[in-house]
C-alpha cells in the first residue's frame, strides 16, 4: 500500500512539522485579534513568542532530539 492510500484510510502518522503549523496558526490568530482591536500589535507579541518558542521548540526536539 502506498503512503497516499495510508493517509486516505487514516493509517498515516502525523508529520513532524504538524506541531509547528498548529503553533503558527495560533500565533497568527492572536496577532490578528490584537491587530483587529486597536490596529497595532501590542500585547500579543508575548503570546506569539511563547507559542512559537514552546511549540516549535518542542516539535523540533521531538524530531531531531530522538534520532
Protein backbone atom coordinates (compact mmCIF):
# COMPACT_ATOMS: atom_id res chain seq x y z
CA UNK A 1 0.00 0.00 0.00
CA UNK A 2 1.32 3.45 -0.84
CA UNK A 3 1.74 6.36 1.55
CA UNK A 4 -1.16 8.19 -0.10
CA UNK A 5 -3.52 5.27 0.47
CA UNK A 6 -2.41 5.01 4.11
CA UNK A 7 -3.15 8.69 4.64
CA UNK A 8 -6.54 8.46 2.94
CA UNK A 9 -7.50 5.45 5.06
CA UNK A 10 -6.49 7.14 8.31
CA UNK A 11 -3.49 4.90 8.97
CA UNK A 12 -0.82 7.51 8.33
CA UNK A 13 1.00 9.22 11.17
CA UNK A 14 1.30 12.92 11.76
CA UNK A 15 4.15 14.65 10.03
CA UNK A 16 6.91 16.11 12.18
CA UNK A 17 6.01 19.67 11.13
CA UNK A 18 2.36 19.35 12.21
CA UNK A 19 3.01 20.94 15.62
CA UNK A 20 4.85 23.85 14.02
CA UNK A 21 1.90 24.51 11.70
CA UNK A 22 -0.55 24.44 14.60
CA UNK A 23 1.54 26.87 16.64
CA UNK A 24 1.87 29.19 13.64
CA UNK A 25 -1.92 29.21 13.22
CA UNK A 26 -2.42 30.00 16.92
CA UNK A 27 0.14 32.79 16.67
CA UNK A 28 -1.49 34.31 13.60
CA UNK A 29 -4.87 34.15 15.33
CA UNK A 30 -3.65 36.07 18.38
CA UNK A 31 -1.84 38.63 16.27
CA UNK A 32 -4.95 39.10 14.14
CA UNK A 33 -7.15 39.58 17.21
CA UNK A 34 -4.75 42.15 18.63
CA UNK A 35 -4.47 43.99 15.32
CA UNK A 36 -8.26 43.97 14.84
CA UNK A 37 -8.91 45.60 18.23
CA UNK A 38 -6.53 48.57 18.06
CA UNK A 39 -4.80 48.34 14.64
CA UNK A 40 -1.42 47.67 16.23
CA UNK A 41 0.28 44.60 17.58
CA UNK A 42 0.94 45.32 21.24
CA UNK A 43 0.38 42.62 23.86
CA UNK A 44 0.14 39.64 21.54
CA UNK A 45 3.84 39.64 20.74
CA UNK A 46 4.46 37.87 24.08
CA UNK A 47 1.75 35.31 23.41
CA UNK A 48 3.10 34.70 19.92
CA UNK A 49 6.65 34.40 21.21
CA UNK A 50 5.60 31.88 23.86
CA UNK A 51 3.61 29.79 21.39
CA UNK A 52 6.41 29.74 18.87
CA UNK A 53 9.15 29.11 21.43
CA UNK A 54 7.45 26.18 23.11
CA UNK A 55 5.52 24.80 20.17
CA UNK A 56 8.26 24.96 17.59
CA UNK A 57 10.99 24.16 20.10
CA UNK A 58 9.36 21.00 21.40
CA UNK A 59 8.39 19.89 17.91
CA UNK A 60 11.97 20.23 16.71
CA UNK A 61 13.26 18.49 19.83
CA UNK A 62 10.93 15.57 19.19
CA UNK A 63 12.03 15.41 15.56
CA UNK A 64 15.78 15.80 15.90
CA UNK A 65 16.47 15.01 19.56
CA UNK A 66 15.32 11.38 19.44
CA UNK A 67 17.06 10.14 16.34
